[in-house]
């Protein structure tokens, strides 16, 4: 009796696309927001160049954290779907038995196959639950980084170091 296990990888498929050029965006929303923030900071003549640079870097970090939070929330919504199986838990497991063994004790082989399939399904649900916990912890850490409880602003605690 032998057992084999392989990961099932979903390879990307290429589709023929039409050759018409797509209109490209001139400015992404985050770039536009950054331009507005930089313009507002530049308009303030009392700020030094180092302060402007600091605020510009802080704003860029804020935008990255907001994008990360949105992606993590989307990932958690996907993980909470009943029929969704994460790619990291998809693998094929087959139990191979010889013809002689099947002839002699088919009932025992069926029992072992059922036990293996049950164990694999349990392992997949356990991994999925752990993934959900990890995403929730990541969301909490991003939210903590976004909101400073000491001054109720989005400063990433840099104003209190």
Protein backbone atom coordinates (compact mmCIF):
# COMPACT_ATOMS: atom_id res chain seq x y z
CA UNK A 1 0.00 0.00 0.00
CA UNK A 2 1.41 3.42 -0.91
CA UNK A 3 0.26 7.00 -0.46
CA UNK A 4 1.06 10.05 -2.55
CA UNK A 5 0.29 13.67 -1.95
CA UNK A 6 0.77 16.54 -4.37
CA UNK A 7 -0.06 20.20 -4.27
CA UNK A 8 -2.62 21.22 -6.82
CA UNK A 9 -1.35 24.41 -8.31
CA UNK A 10 -3.69 26.50 -10.34
CA UNK A 11 -1.64 27.72 -13.25
CA UNK A 12 -2.61 30.96 -14.81
CA UNK A 13 -4.14 30.70 -18.22
CA UNK A 14 -3.45 33.20 -20.94
CA UNK A 15 -6.31 34.55 -22.94
CA UNK A 16 -6.11 36.28 -26.26
CA UNK A 17 -6.90 39.93 -25.84
CA UNK A 18 -7.87 42.39 -28.48
CA UNK A 19 -5.05 44.62 -29.62
CA UNK A 20 -6.90 47.90 -29.16
CA UNK A 21 -4.93 50.16 -26.85
CA UNK A 22 -6.55 50.74 -23.48
CA UNK A 23 -6.80 54.32 -22.27
CA UNK A 24 -4.38 54.72 -19.42
CA UNK A 25 -5.09 56.67 -16.27
CA UNK A 26 -3.06 59.81 -15.95
CA UNK A 27 -3.19 59.89 -12.16
CA UNK A 28 -4.24 57.25 -9.67
CA UNK A 29 -6.49 58.32 -6.78
CA UNK A 30 -3.69 57.92 -4.23
CA UNK A 31 -1.34 60.00 -6.37
CA UNK A 32 -4.02 62.67 -6.66
CA UNK A 33 -4.54 62.69 -2.90
CA UNK A 34 -0.79 62.89 -2.37
CA UNK A 35 -0.58 65.81 -4.79
CA UNK A 36 -3.32 67.62 -2.86
CA UNK A 37 -1.56 66.98 0.46
CA UNK A 38 1.80 68.12 -0.91
CA UNK A 39 0.20 71.23 -2.41
CA UNK A 40 -1.40 72.07 0.94
CA UNK A 41 1.90 71.59 2.73
CA UNK A 42 3.77 73.65 0.15
CA UNK A 43 1.25 76.46 0.45
CA UNK A 44 2.07 76.75 4.13
CA UNK A 45 5.14 78.96 4.00
CA UNK A 46 5.98 78.58 7.68
CA UNK A 47 7.02 74.93 7.32
CA UNK A 48 10.65 74.08 6.81
CA UNK A 49 11.70 71.69 4.05
CA UNK A 50 12.44 68.91 6.55
CA UNK A 51 8.91 69.28 7.98
CA UNK A 52 7.40 69.08 4.51
CA UNK A 53 9.42 65.96 3.77
CA UNK A 54 8.37 64.44 7.08
CA UNK A 55 4.68 65.10 6.40
CA UNK A 56 5.00 63.81 2.85
CA UNK A 57 6.57 60.53 4.09
CA UNK A 58 3.97 60.26 6.83
CA UNK A 59 1.17 60.68 4.32
CA UNK A 60 2.69 58.06 2.02
CA UNK A 61 2.87 55.63 4.96
CA UNK A 62 -0.76 56.41 5.80
CA UNK A 63 -1.86 55.62 2.24
CA UNK A 64 0.07 52.32 2.28
CA UNK A 65 -1.53 51.30 5.58
CA UNK A 66 -5.02 52.16 4.31
CA UNK A 67 -4.47 50.04 1.17
CA UNK A 68 -3.12 47.20 3.29
CA UNK A 69 -6.14 47.39 5.58
CA UNK A 70 -8.54 47.28 2.64
CA UNK A 71 -6.75 44.28 1.13
CA UNK A 72 -6.78 42.43 4.47
CA UNK A 73 -10.49 43.10 4.96
CA UNK A 74 -11.19 41.79 1.46
CA UNK A 75 -9.08 38.70 2.22
CA UNK A 76 -11.01 38.08 5.44
CA UNK A 77 -14.34 38.38 3.63
CA UNK A 78 -13.12 35.84 1.09
CA UNK A 79 -11.90 33.46 3.81
CA UNK A 80 -15.26 33.64 5.60
CA UNK A 81 -17.15 32.35 2.57
CA UNK A 82 -18.43 28.82 3.14
CA UNK A 83 -17.40 27.35 -0.20
CA UNK A 84 -13.97 29.03 -0.41
CA UNK A 85 -10.89 26.83 0.00
CA UNK A 86 -7.59 28.76 0.26
CA UNK A 87 -4.93 27.88 -2.25
CA UNK A 88 -2.52 26.92 0.52
CA UNK A 89 -4.86 24.13 1.65
CA UNK A 90 -5.59 22.70 -1.79
CA UNK A 91 -3.76 19.47 -2.38
CA UNK A 92 -4.65 16.09 -3.77
CA UNK A 93 -4.13 13.01 -1.66
CA UNK A 94 -4.60 9.55 -3.10
CA UNK A 95 -4.13 6.25 -1.37
CA UNK A 96 -2.92 3.55 -3.76
CA UNK A 97 -3.32 -0.11 -2.90
CA UNK A 98 -2.37 -3.17 -4.85
CA UNK A 99 -4.95 -5.34 -6.57
CA UNK A 100 -4.02 -8.25 -4.30
CA UNK A 101 -4.69 -6.20 -1.17
CA UNK A 102 -8.02 -5.01 -2.59
CA UNK A 103 -9.03 -8.61 -3.26
CA UNK A 104 -8.06 -9.79 0.21
CA UNK A 105 -9.41 -6.98 2.39
CA UNK A 106 -11.43 -4.39 0.50
CA UNK A 107 -13.40 -3.38 3.59
CA UNK A 108 -10.26 -2.50 5.55
CA UNK A 109 -8.80 -0.55 2.62
CA UNK A 110 -12.05 1.41 2.31
CA UNK A 111 -11.93 2.11 6.03
CA UNK A 112 -8.34 3.43 5.79
CA UNK A 113 -9.20 5.56 2.75
CA UNK A 114 -12.16 7.07 4.59
CA UNK A 115 -9.98 7.81 7.63
CA UNK A 116 -7.35 9.48 5.41
CA UNK A 117 -9.94 11.60 3.61
CA UNK A 118 -11.44 12.68 6.94
CA UNK A 119 -8.00 13.59 8.30
CA UNK A 120 -7.18 15.62 5.17
CA UNK A 121 -10.50 17.51 5.38
CA UNK A 122 -9.92 18.23 9.07
CA UNK A 123 -6.41 19.46 8.35
CA UNK A 124 -7.71 21.76 5.60
CA UNK A 125 -10.32 23.32 7.90
CA UNK A 126 -7.74 23.73 10.67
CA UNK A 127 -5.34 25.52 8.30
CA UNK A 128 -8.18 27.75 7.06
CA UNK A 129 -9.11 28.66 10.65
CA UNK A 130 -5.50 29.52 11.43
CA UNK A 131 -5.33 31.68 8.30
CA UNK A 132 -8.41 33.57 9.48
CA UNK A 133 -6.80 34.16 12.88
CA UNK A 134 -3.62 35.42 11.22
CA UNK A 135 -5.52 37.83 8.96
CA UNK A 136 -7.49 39.15 11.96
CA UNK A 137 -4.25 39.75 13.88
CA UNK A 138 -2.79 41.52 10.87
CA UNK A 139 -5.89 43.74 10.60
CA UNK A 140 -5.61 44.63 14.28
CA UNK A 141 -1.94 45.56 13.92
CA UNK A 142 -2.64 47.76 10.88
CA UNK A 143 -5.51 49.48 12.69
CA UNK A 144 -3.24 50.06 15.67
CA UNK A 145 -0.60 51.57 13.38
CA UNK A 146 -3.20 53.79 11.71
CA UNK A 147 -4.74 55.24 14.84
CA UNK A 148 -2.75 56.85 17.62
CA UNK A 149 -4.80 56.75 20.84
CA UNK A 150 -2.63 59.41 22.48
CA UNK A 151 -3.65 62.24 20.19
CA UNK A 152 -6.46 60.84 17.99
CA UNK A 153 -4.59 61.44 14.76
CA UNK A 154 -3.02 59.29 12.06
CA UNK A 155 0.57 59.74 13.14
CA UNK A 156 1.80 56.13 13.48
CA UNK A 157 3.07 57.09 16.98
CA UNK A 158 5.93 59.11 15.48
CA UNK A 159 4.85 62.24 17.33
CA UNK A 160 5.39 60.54 20.71
CA UNK A 161 8.83 59.01 20.22
